Amino acid sequence: MYVVAGDRLVEPNADDPTDGTRSLSSLQGTGVQGGVWCGDGSPADFPLDQRPDDGSSLCWDSAPLAERLELLGKGEVQLTLSVDRPQALVAARVCDVAPDGTSTLIARGVLNLSRRDGHELSVPMPVGEPVLVRIPLQSTAYAVSVGHRIRLAVSNTYWPLAWPAPEPVVLTVHCGERCVLSLPRRRPSELDAQLVPFGEPEQGTPLASEITMLRPGGRRVRHDLPTGEVEVEFDWHPSRTRILATGNGPARTGGRRSCPPSR
């Protein structure tokens, strides 16, 4: 477990000061590096280097690890938050930061703050009032190498996996002992010595096939520097679906086959 201190992740009972607040209003394009929710094996389905998304998030880094850290299961982020709008969301990501700065996604969780007490309830956030929330993280099986750091990144947008809030929101994290990152550490087992490395995969004789159409697929991102508009295009057969996000403003979606995108 790590405590979310003023500007870093620290071990519980560390001497580092843990109080302070940090605020942000994330760019609406935050989340583009997150990959595809239900990928089909197309290029760039997996999350990319997280540094662009980290740059528009609040980040806390741990000290370099002195020993290998193996994770297996579901973690959780507990944060004390306040917002300036009643409708808001929070996205939390745990990343592996290599010595060269590369940031690799380990696990993430997104919470509509109106559903902080359960999905069966919809309770708007009290404006300006700190509230303790818990953000479950997705399951993971991951090993962090010696010398790498654990990063917690928090944003209040995560497009296109999460629909944006009705208005731009300023989110404030109230750091301290009630803000913690709990990781599912895998403990060594006496059975580890009995593990046998996987052999070469086996497969049957493939069925005869004929390629009748070949077209590029995958995911493309276009960033218009003068306007700040970010276009995320998913190319799925047989139609093409384009998802657009514009700066910090509202996002819009649309599908198309051959017509040019609307502006």
C-alpha atoms as a PDB file:
ATOM      1  CA  MET A   1       0.000   0.000   0.000  1.00  0.00           C
ATOM      2  CA  TYR A   2       1.141   3.546  -0.752  1.00  0.00           C
ATOM      3  CA  VAL A   3      -0.044   6.826   0.743  1.00  0.00           C
ATOM      4  CA  VAL A   4      -0.778   9.646  -1.720  1.00  0.00           C
ATOM      5  CA  ALA A   5       1.452  12.354  -0.254  1.00  0.00           C
ATOM      6  CA  GLY A   6       1.780  15.962  -1.357  1.00  0.00           C
ATOM      7  CA  ASP A   7       3.804  15.201  -4.470  1.00  0.00           C
ATOM      8  CA  ARG A   8       4.756  11.508  -4.304  1.00  0.00           C
ATOM      9  CA  LEU A   9       3.702   8.023  -3.279  1.00  0.00           C
ATOM     10  CA  VAL A  10       5.195   7.017   0.065  1.00  0.00           C
ATOM     11  CA  GLU A  11       5.132   3.958   2.282  1.00  0.00           C
ATOM     12  CA  PRO A  12       2.753   4.131   5.278  1.00  0.00           C
ATOM     13  CA  ASN A  13       4.319   5.751   8.349  1.00  0.00           C
ATOM     14  CA  ALA A  14       6.983   7.443   6.224  1.00  0.00           C
ATOM     15  CA  ASP A  15       8.451  10.713   7.429  1.00  0.00           C
ATOM     16  CA  ASP A  16       7.443  12.533   4.221  1.00  0.00           C
ATOM     17  CA  PRO A  17       4.713  15.174   4.638  1.00  0.00           C
ATOM     18  CA  THR A  18       1.429  13.853   3.318  1.00  0.00           C
ATOM     19  CA  ASP A  19      -0.863  16.867   3.385  1.00  0.00           C
ATOM     20  CA  GLY A  20      -1.601  19.445   0.705  1.00  0.00           C
ATOM     21  CA  THR A  21      -3.991  19.772  -2.216  1.00  0.00           C
ATOM     22  CA  ARG A  22      -3.526  19.474  -5.956  1.00  0.00           C
ATOM     23  CA  SER A  23      -6.059  20.525  -8.606  1.00  0.00           C
ATOM     24  CA  LEU A  24      -6.560  20.188 -12.353  1.00  0.00           C
ATOM     25  CA  SER A  25      -9.058  20.381 -15.172  1.00  0.00           C
ATOM     26  CA  SER A  26      -7.919  17.703 -17.609  1.00  0.00           C
ATOM     27  CA  LEU A  27      -7.827  18.074 -21.373  1.00  0.00           C
ATOM     28  CA  GLN A  28     -10.774  16.261 -22.922  1.00  0.00           C
ATOM     29  CA  GLY A  29      -8.347  14.254 -25.061  1.00  0.00           C
ATOM     30  CA  THR A  30      -6.836  12.614 -21.965  1.00  0.00           C
ATOM     31  CA  GLY A  31      -7.234   8.857 -22.394  1.00  0.00           C
ATOM     32  CA  VAL A  32      -6.332   8.577 -26.073  1.00  0.00           C
ATOM     33  CA  GLN A  33      -3.228   6.563 -25.105  1.00  0.00           C
ATOM     34  CA  GLY A  34      -5.400   4.068 -23.245  1.00  0.00           C
ATOM     35  CA  GLY A  35      -5.977   1.656 -26.107  1.00  0.00           C
ATOM     36  CA  VAL A  36      -9.239   0.034 -27.193  1.00  0.00           C
ATOM     37  CA  TRP A  37     -11.770  -1.253 -24.666  1.00  0.00           C
ATOM     38  CA  CYS A  38     -12.779  -4.365 -26.645  1.00  0.00           C
ATOM     39  CA  GLY A  39      -9.986  -4.703 -29.171  1.00  0.00           C
ATOM     40  CA  ASP A  40     -10.128  -7.230 -31.995  1.00  0.00           C
ATOM     41  CA  GLY A  41      -6.399  -7.619 -32.531  1.00  0.00           C
ATOM     42  CA  SER A  42      -5.979  -4.599 -34.772  1.00  0.00           C
ATOM     43  CA  PRO A  43      -2.786  -2.517 -34.609  1.00  0.00           C
ATOM     44  CA  ALA A  44      -2.535  -0.168 -31.600  1.00  0.00           C
ATOM     45  CA  ASP A  45      -5.352  -1.906 -29.709  1.00  0.00           C
ATOM     46  CA  PHE A  46      -3.165  -2.105 -26.612  1.00  0.00           C
ATOM     47  CA  PRO A  47      -2.394   0.970 -24.473  1.00  0.00           C
ATOM     48  CA  LEU A  48       0.525   3.053 -25.725  1.00  0.00           C
ATOM     49  CA  ASP A  49       3.197   4.933 -23.774  1.00  0.00           C
ATOM     50  CA  GLN A  50       1.208   6.756 -21.092  1.00  0.00           C
ATOM     51  CA  ARG A  51       3.365   9.886 -20.902  1.00  0.00           C
ATOM     52  CA  PRO A  52       1.031  12.057 -23.029  1.00  0.00           C
ATOM     53  CA  ASP A  53      -1.911  11.155 -20.754  1.00  0.00           C
ATOM     54  CA  ASP A  54       0.281  11.492 -17.659  1.00  0.00           C
ATOM     55  CA  GLY A  55       1.098  15.030 -18.769  1.00  0.00           C
ATOM     56  CA  SER A  56      -2.552  16.080 -18.429  1.00  0.00           C
ATOM     57  CA  SER A  57      -3.095  14.227 -15.130  1.00  0.00           C
ATOM     58  CA  LEU A  58      -2.069  14.654 -11.521  1.00  0.00           C
ATOM     59  CA  CYS A  59       0.793  12.210 -10.931  1.00  0.00           C
ATOM     60  CA  TRP A  60       2.436  10.782  -7.846  1.00  0.00           C
ATOM     61  CA  ASP A  61       5.545   8.572  -8.198  1.00  0.00           C
ATOM     62  CA  SER A  62       7.054   6.143  -5.719  1.00  0.00           C
ATOM     63  CA  ALA A  63      10.753   5.786  -5.013  1.00  0.00           C
ATOM     64  CA  PRO A  64      12.603   3.332  -7.303  1.00  0.00           C
ATOM     65  CA  LEU A  65      11.791  -0.246  -6.307  1.00  0.00           C
ATOM     66  CA  ALA A  66      14.529  -2.093  -4.438  1.00  0.00           C
ATOM     67  CA  GLU A  67      13.054  -5.472  -5.372  1.00  0.00           C
ATOM     68  CA  ARG A  68      10.808  -6.945  -8.046  1.00  0.00           C
ATOM     69  CA  LEU A  69       7.108  -6.361  -7.367  1.00  0.00           C
ATOM     70  CA  GLU A  70       4.617  -8.940  -8.662  1.00  0.00           C
ATOM     71  CA  LEU A  71       0.953  -7.947  -8.852  1.00  0.00           C
ATOM     72  CA  LEU A  72      -1.981 -10.326  -9.243  1.00  0.00           C
ATOM     73  CA  GLY A  73      -5.618  -9.395  -8.716  1.00  0.00           C
ATOM     74  CA  LYS A  74      -7.603  -6.195  -8.208  1.00  0.00           C
ATOM     75  CA  GLY A  75      -6.306  -3.052  -6.548  1.00  0.00           C
ATOM     76  CA  GLU A  76      -8.109   0.058  -5.344  1.00  0.00           C
ATOM     77  CA  VAL A  77      -7.504   3.785  -5.104  1.00  0.00           C
ATOM     78  CA  GLN A  78      -9.007   5.717  -2.214  1.00  0.00           C
ATOM     79  CA  LEU A  79      -9.024   9.490  -2.611  1.00  0.00           C
ATOM     80  CA  THR A  80     -10.496  12.502  -0.855  1.00  0.00           C
ATOM     81  CA  LEU A  81     -11.803  14.690  -3.689  1.00  0.00           C
ATOM     82  CA  SER A  82     -13.703  17.907  -4.197  1.00  0.00           C
ATOM     83  CA  VAL A  83     -15.120  19.326  -7.444  1.00  0.00           C
ATOM     84  CA  ASP A  84     -16.603  22.626  -8.592  1.00  0.00           C
ATOM     85  CA  ARG A  85     -19.494  21.011 -10.476  1.00  0.00           C
ATOM     86  CA  PRO A  86     -22.075  18.479  -9.244  1.00  0.00           C
ATOM     87  CA  GLN A  87     -21.545  16.118 -12.195  1.00  0.00           C
ATOM     88  CA  ALA A  88     -17.994  14.826 -12.577  1.00  0.00           C
ATOM     89  CA  LEU A  89     -15.896  11.720 -13.028  1.00  0.00           C
ATOM     90  CA  VAL A  90     -12.468  10.583 -11.916  1.00  0.00           C
ATOM     91  CA  ALA A  91     -10.075   8.240 -13.698  1.00  0.00           C
ATOM     92  CA  ALA A  92      -7.187   6.596 -11.845  1.00  0.00           C
ATOM     93  CA  ARG A  93      -4.312   4.819 -13.580  1.00  0.00           C
ATOM     94  CA  VAL A  94      -1.424   2.841 -12.126  1.00  0.00           C
ATOM     95  CA  CYS A  95       1.665   2.879 -14.343  1.00  0.00           C
ATOM     96  CA  ASP A  96       5.129   1.321 -14.419  1.00  0.00           C
ATOM     97  CA  VAL A  97       7.685   4.090 -14.989  1.00  0.00           C
ATOM     98  CA  ALA A  98      11.007   2.815 -16.348  1.00  0.00           C
ATOM     99  CA  PRO A  99      14.331   4.584 -15.692  1.00  0.00           C
ATOM    100  CA  ASP A 100      14.179   6.079 -19.199  1.00  0.00           C
ATOM    101  CA  GLY A 101      10.771   7.650 -18.417  1.00  0.00           C
ATOM    102  CA  THR A 102       8.588   5.228 -20.390  1.00  0.00           C
ATOM    103  CA  SER A 103       5.204   4.885 -18.679  1.00  0.00           C
ATOM    104  CA  THR A 104       3.364   1.561 -19.113  1.00  0.00           C
ATOM    105  CA  LEU A 105      -0.242   1.079 -18.030  1.00  0.00           C
ATOM    106  CA  ILE A 106      -0.704  -1.562 -15.317  1.00  0.00           C
ATOM    107  CA  ALA A 107      -4.353  -1.059 -14.323  1.00  0.00           C
ATOM    108  CA  ARG A 108      -7.016   1.646 -14.342  1.00  0.00           C
ATOM    109  CA  GLY A 109     -10.424   2.484 -12.970  1.00  0.00           C
ATOM    110  CA  VAL A 110     -13.045   5.094 -13.865  1.00  0.00           C
ATOM    111  CA  LEU A 111     -15.783   6.298 -11.516  1.00  0.00           C
ATOM    112  CA  ASN A 112     -18.797   8.497 -12.209  1.00  0.00           C
ATOM    113  CA  LEU A 113     -18.744  10.483  -8.971  1.00  0.00           C
ATOM    114  CA  SER A 114     -22.544  10.587  -8.907  1.00  0.00           C
ATOM    115  CA  ARG A 115     -22.396   6.786  -8.466  1.00  0.00           C
ATOM    116  CA  ARG A 116     -19.829   6.829  -5.679  1.00  0.00           C
ATOM    117  CA  ASP A 117     -22.308   5.126  -3.311  1.00  0.00           C
ATOM    118  CA  GLY A 118     -23.272   2.391  -5.786  1.00  0.00           C
ATOM    119  CA  HIS A 119     -24.580   2.080  -9.321  1.00  0.00           C
ATOM    120  CA  GLU A 120     -28.147   1.847  -8.098  1.00  0.00           C
ATOM    121  CA  LEU A 121     -27.941   5.432  -6.764  1.00  0.00           C
ATOM    122  CA  SER A 122     -27.302   8.743  -8.525  1.00  0.00           C
ATOM    123  CA  VAL A 123     -26.234  11.411  -6.043  1.00  0.00           C
ATOM    124  CA  PRO A 124     -24.612  14.604  -7.418  1.00  0.00           C
ATOM    125  CA  MET A 125     -21.378  15.672  -5.747  1.00  0.00           C
ATOM    126  CA  PRO A 126     -21.575  18.488  -3.174  1.00  0.00           C
ATOM    127  CA  VAL A 127     -19.767  21.407  -4.792  1.00  0.00           C
ATOM    128  CA  GLY A 128     -16.533  22.351  -3.023  1.00  0.00           C
ATOM    129  CA  GLU A 129     -16.914  19.749  -0.266  1.00  0.00           C
ATOM    130  CA  PRO A 130     -14.225  17.053   0.173  1.00  0.00           C
ATOM    131  CA  VAL A 131     -15.661  13.564  -0.229  1.00  0.00           C
ATOM    132  CA  LEU A 132     -13.933  10.213   0.295  1.00  0.00           C
ATOM    133  CA  VAL A 133     -14.353   7.919  -2.735  1.00  0.00           C
ATOM    134  CA  ARG A 134     -13.071   4.479  -3.656  1.00  0.00           C
ATOM    135  CA  ILE A 135     -12.093   3.672  -7.244  1.00  0.00           C
ATOM    136  CA  PRO A 136     -11.812  -0.065  -7.990  1.00  0.00           C
ATOM    137  CA  LEU A 137      -9.074  -0.975 -10.453  1.00  0.00           C
ATOM    138  CA  GLN A 138      -9.339  -3.645 -13.124  1.00  0.00           C
ATOM    139  CA  SER A 139      -7.675  -7.013 -12.577  1.00  0.00           C
ATOM    140  CA  THR A 140      -4.011  -7.240 -13.475  1.00  0.00           C
ATOM    141  CA  ALA A 141      -1.125  -9.697 -13.574  1.00  0.00           C
ATOM    142  CA  TYR A 142       2.064  -7.669 -13.865  1.00  0.00           C
ATOM    143  CA  ALA A 143       5.659  -7.627 -12.605  1.00  0.00           C
ATOM    144  CA  VAL A 144       7.461  -4.319 -11.955  1.00  0.00           C
ATOM    145  CA  SER A 145      11.232  -4.547 -12.279  1.00  0.00           C
ATOM    146  CA  VAL A 146      13.877  -3.351  -9.821  1.00  0.00           C
ATOM    147  CA  GLY A 147      14.681   0.341 -10.309  1.00  0.00           C
ATOM    148  CA  HIS A 148      11.273   1.153 -11.802  1.00  0.00           C
ATOM    149  CA  ARG A 149       8.730   3.422 -10.111  1.00  0.00           C
ATOM    150  CA  ILE A 150       5.004   3.051  -9.464  1.00  0.00           C
ATOM    151  CA  ARG A 151       2.979   6.027 -10.715  1.00  0.00           C
ATOM    152  CA  LEU A 152      -0.563   6.943  -9.743  1.00  0.00           C
ATOM    153  CA  ALA A 153      -2.136   9.245 -12.352  1.00  0.00           C
ATOM    154  CA  VAL A 154      -5.510  10.914 -11.708  1.00  0.00           C
ATOM    155  CA  SER A 155      -7.591  12.849 -14.240  1.00  0.00           C
ATOM    156  CA  ASN A 156     -11.183  14.019 -14.499  1.00  0.00           C
ATOM    157  CA  THR A 157     -11.563  13.014 -18.148  1.00  0.00           C
ATOM    158  CA  TYR A 158     -10.803   9.720 -19.874  1.00  0.00           C
ATOM    159  CA  TRP A 159     -11.885   9.893 -23.496  1.00  0.00           C
ATOM    160  CA  PRO A 160     -13.031   7.938 -25.430  1.00  0.00           C
ATOM    161  CA  LEU A 161     -13.578   5.192 -22.833  1.00  0.00           C
ATOM    162  CA  ALA A 162     -15.708   7.487 -20.641  1.00  0.00           C
ATOM    163  CA  TRP A 163     -18.330   9.978 -21.793  1.00  0.00           C
ATOM    164  CA  PRO A 164     -17.407  13.521 -20.658  1.00  0.00           C
ATOM    165  CA  ALA A 165     -19.138  15.421 -17.879  1.00  0.00           C
ATOM    166  CA  PRO A 166     -21.730  18.034 -18.980  1.00  0.00           C
ATOM    167  CA  GLU A 167     -19.342  20.886 -18.090  1.00  0.00           C
ATOM    168  CA  PRO A 168     -15.583  21.244 -17.652  1.00  0.00           C
ATOM    169  CA  VAL A 169     -14.727  20.385 -14.045  1.00  0.00           C
ATOM    170  CA  VAL A 170     -11.904  21.390 -11.722  1.00  0.00           C
ATOM    171  CA  LEU A 171     -11.032  18.411  -9.530  1.00  0.00           C
ATOM    172  CA  THR A 172      -9.020  18.772  -6.324  1.00  0.00           C
ATOM    173  CA  VAL A 173      -7.266  15.931  -4.499  1.00  0.00           C
ATOM    174  CA  HIS A 174      -6.845  16.457  -0.767  1.00  0.00           C
ATOM    175  CA  CYS A 175      -3.694  14.458  -0.071  1.00  0.00           C
ATOM    176  CA  GLY A 176      -3.095  12.703   3.215  1.00  0.00           C
ATOM    177  CA  GLU A 177      -3.342   9.410   5.056  1.00  0.00           C
ATOM    178  CA  ARG A 178      -6.897   8.836   3.793  1.00  0.00           C
ATOM    179  CA  CYS A 179      -5.644   8.854   0.187  1.00  0.00           C
ATOM    180  CA  VAL A 180      -4.076   5.488  -0.498  1.00  0.00           C
ATOM    181  CA  LEU A 181      -3.200   3.200  -3.386  1.00  0.00           C
ATOM    182  CA  SER A 182      -3.735  -0.466  -2.522  1.00  0.00           C
ATOM    183  CA  LEU A 183      -1.997  -2.921  -4.858  1.00  0.00           C
ATOM    184  CA  PRO A 184      -2.704  -6.680  -5.104  1.00  0.00           C
ATOM    185  CA  ARG A 185       0.771  -8.020  -4.317  1.00  0.00           C
ATOM    186  CA  ARG A 186       1.454 -11.618  -5.250  1.00  0.00           C
ATOM    187  CA  ARG A 187       3.373 -13.339  -2.490  1.00  0.00           C
ATOM    188  CA  PRO A 188       5.959 -16.028  -3.327  1.00  0.00           C
ATOM    189  CA  SER A 189       4.697 -19.606  -3.063  1.00  0.00           C
ATOM    190  CA  GLU A 190       6.491 -22.893  -2.418  1.00  0.00           C
ATOM    191  CA  LEU A 191       4.846 -24.108  -5.615  1.00  0.00           C
ATOM    192  CA  ASP A 192       6.776 -21.574  -7.716  1.00  0.00           C
ATOM    193  CA  ALA A 193       9.700 -23.992  -8.013  1.00  0.00           C
ATOM    194  CA  GLN A 194       7.398 -26.521  -9.670  1.00  0.00           C
ATOM    195  CA  LEU A 195       6.326 -24.195 -12.460  1.00  0.00           C
ATOM    196  CA  VAL A 196       7.314 -25.427 -15.900  1.00  0.00           C
ATOM    197  CA  PRO A 197       7.968 -22.956 -18.735  1.00  0.00           C
ATOM    198  CA  PHE A 198       5.409 -22.998 -21.528  1.00  0.00           C
ATOM    199  CA  GLY A 199       6.382 -24.983 -24.589  1.00  0.00           C
ATOM    200  CA  GLU A 200       5.788 -24.031 -28.197  1.00  0.00           C
ATOM    201  CA  PRO A 201       2.075 -23.515 -28.948  1.00  0.00           C
ATOM    202  CA  GLU A 202       0.250 -26.305 -30.751  1.00  0.00           C
ATOM    203  CA  GLN A 203      -2.379 -25.825 -33.412  1.00  0.00           C
ATOM    204  CA  GLY A 204      -4.287 -27.895 -35.888  1.00  0.00           C
ATOM    205  CA  THR A 205      -4.151 -27.737 -39.651  1.00  0.00           C
ATOM    206  CA  PRO A 206      -5.669 -24.389 -40.694  1.00  0.00           C
ATOM    207  CA  LEU A 207      -8.739 -24.346 -42.894  1.00  0.00           C
ATOM    208  CA  ALA A 208      -8.388 -23.272 -46.488  1.00  0.00           C
ATOM    209  CA  SER A 209      -9.193 -19.575 -46.925  1.00  0.00           C
ATOM    210  CA  GLU A 210      -9.360 -16.984 -49.669  1.00  0.00           C
ATOM    211  CA  ILE A 211      -8.742 -13.260 -49.186  1.00  0.00           C
ATOM    212  CA  THR A 212     -11.377 -11.332 -51.120  1.00  0.00           C
ATOM    213  CA  MET A 213     -10.753  -7.872 -49.627  1.00  0.00           C
ATOM    214  CA  LEU A 214      -7.749  -6.375 -47.890  1.00  0.00           C
ATOM    215  CA  ARG A 215      -8.021  -3.038 -46.180  1.00  0.00           C
ATOM    216  CA  PRO A 216      -6.093  -1.202 -43.491  1.00  0.00           C
ATOM    217  CA  GLY A 217      -7.580  -1.209 -40.024  1.00  0.00           C
ATOM    218  CA  GLY A 218      -6.648  -0.087 -36.569  1.00  0.00           C
ATOM    219  CA  ARG A 219      -6.786   3.230 -34.804  1.00  0.00           C
ATOM    220  CA  ARG A 220      -5.634   6.681 -35.854  1.00  0.00           C
ATOM    221  CA  VAL A 221      -5.259   9.874 -33.834  1.00  0.00           C
ATOM    222  CA  ARG A 222      -5.109  13.337 -35.399  1.00  0.00           C
ATOM    223  CA  HIS A 223      -4.327  16.414 -33.329  1.00  0.00           C
ATOM    224  CA  ASP A 224      -5.132  19.796 -34.861  1.00  0.00           C
ATOM    225  CA  LEU A 225      -2.643  22.143 -33.215  1.00  0.00           C
ATOM    226  CA  PRO A 226      -4.362  25.488 -34.023  1.00  0.00           C
ATOM    227  CA  THR A 227      -7.805  24.423 -32.721  1.00  0.00           C
ATOM    228  CA  GLY A 228      -6.816  21.809 -30.136  1.00  0.00           C
ATOM    229  CA  GLU A 229      -9.242  19.332 -31.709  1.00  0.00           C
ATOM    230  CA  VAL A 230      -8.372  15.659 -31.270  1.00  0.00           C
ATOM    231  CA  GLU A 231      -9.825  13.072 -33.640  1.00  0.00           C
ATOM    232  CA  VAL A 232      -9.734   9.417 -32.678  1.00  0.00           C
ATOM    233  CA  GLU A 233     -10.730   7.152 -35.562  1.00  0.00           C
ATOM    234  CA  PHE A 234     -11.461   3.451 -35.135  1.00  0.00           C
ATOM    235  CA  ASP A 235     -11.542   1.504 -38.374  1.00  0.00           C
ATOM    236  CA  TRP A 236     -13.704  -1.593 -37.955  1.00  0.00           C
ATOM    237  CA  HIS A 237     -14.941  -3.743 -40.845  1.00  0.00           C
ATOM    238  CA  PRO A 238     -17.386  -3.393 -42.560  1.00  0.00           C
ATOM    239  CA  SER A 239     -17.991   0.231 -41.544  1.00  0.00           C
ATOM    240  CA  ARG A 240     -15.766   2.973 -40.201  1.00  0.00           C
ATOM    241  CA  THR A 241     -16.543   4.603 -36.876  1.00  0.00           C
ATOM    242  CA  ARG A 242     -15.055   7.973 -36.043  1.00  0.00           C
ATOM    243  CA  ILE A 243     -14.977   9.395 -32.534  1.00  0.00           C
ATOM    244  CA  LEU A 244     -14.174  13.062 -32.095  1.00  0.00           C
ATOM    245  CA  ALA A 245     -13.092  14.967 -29.015  1.00  0.00           C
ATOM    246  CA  THR A 246     -12.550  18.721 -29.071  1.00  0.00           C
ATOM    247  CA  GLY A 247     -10.272  20.329 -26.480  1.00  0.00           C
ATOM    248  CA  ASN A 248     -11.940  20.647 -23.077  1.00  0.00           C
ATOM    249  CA  GLY A 249     -15.346  21.044 -24.679  1.00  0.00           C
ATOM    250  CA  PRO A 250     -18.053  18.483 -25.391  1.00  0.00           C
ATOM    251  CA  ALA A 251     -17.199  15.409 -27.433  1.00  0.00           C
ATOM    252  CA  ARG A 252     -19.255  14.009 -30.253  1.00  0.00           C
ATOM    253  CA  THR A 253     -19.399  10.658 -32.011  1.00  0.00           C
ATOM    254  CA  GLY A 254     -20.462   9.552 -35.428  1.00  0.00           C
ATOM    255  CA  GLY A 255     -20.243   6.686 -37.877  1.00  0.00           C
ATOM    256  CA  ARG A 256     -19.485   6.973 -41.554  1.00  0.00           C
ATOM    257  CA  ARG A 257     -18.801   4.852 -44.603  1.00  0.00           C
ATOM    258  CA  SER A 258     -17.570   7.179 -47.335  1.00  0.00           C
ATOM    259  CA  CYS A 259     -18.815  10.669 -46.517  1.00  0.00           C
ATOM    260  CA  PRO A 260     -16.345  13.259 -45.173  1.00  0.00           C
ATOM    261  CA  PRO A 261     -16.452  13.990 -41.437  1.00  0.00           C
ATOM    262  CA  SER A 262     -18.558  16.901 -40.279  1.00  0.00           C
ATOM    263  CA  ARG A 263     -16.879  19.815 -38.503  1.00  0.00           C
END
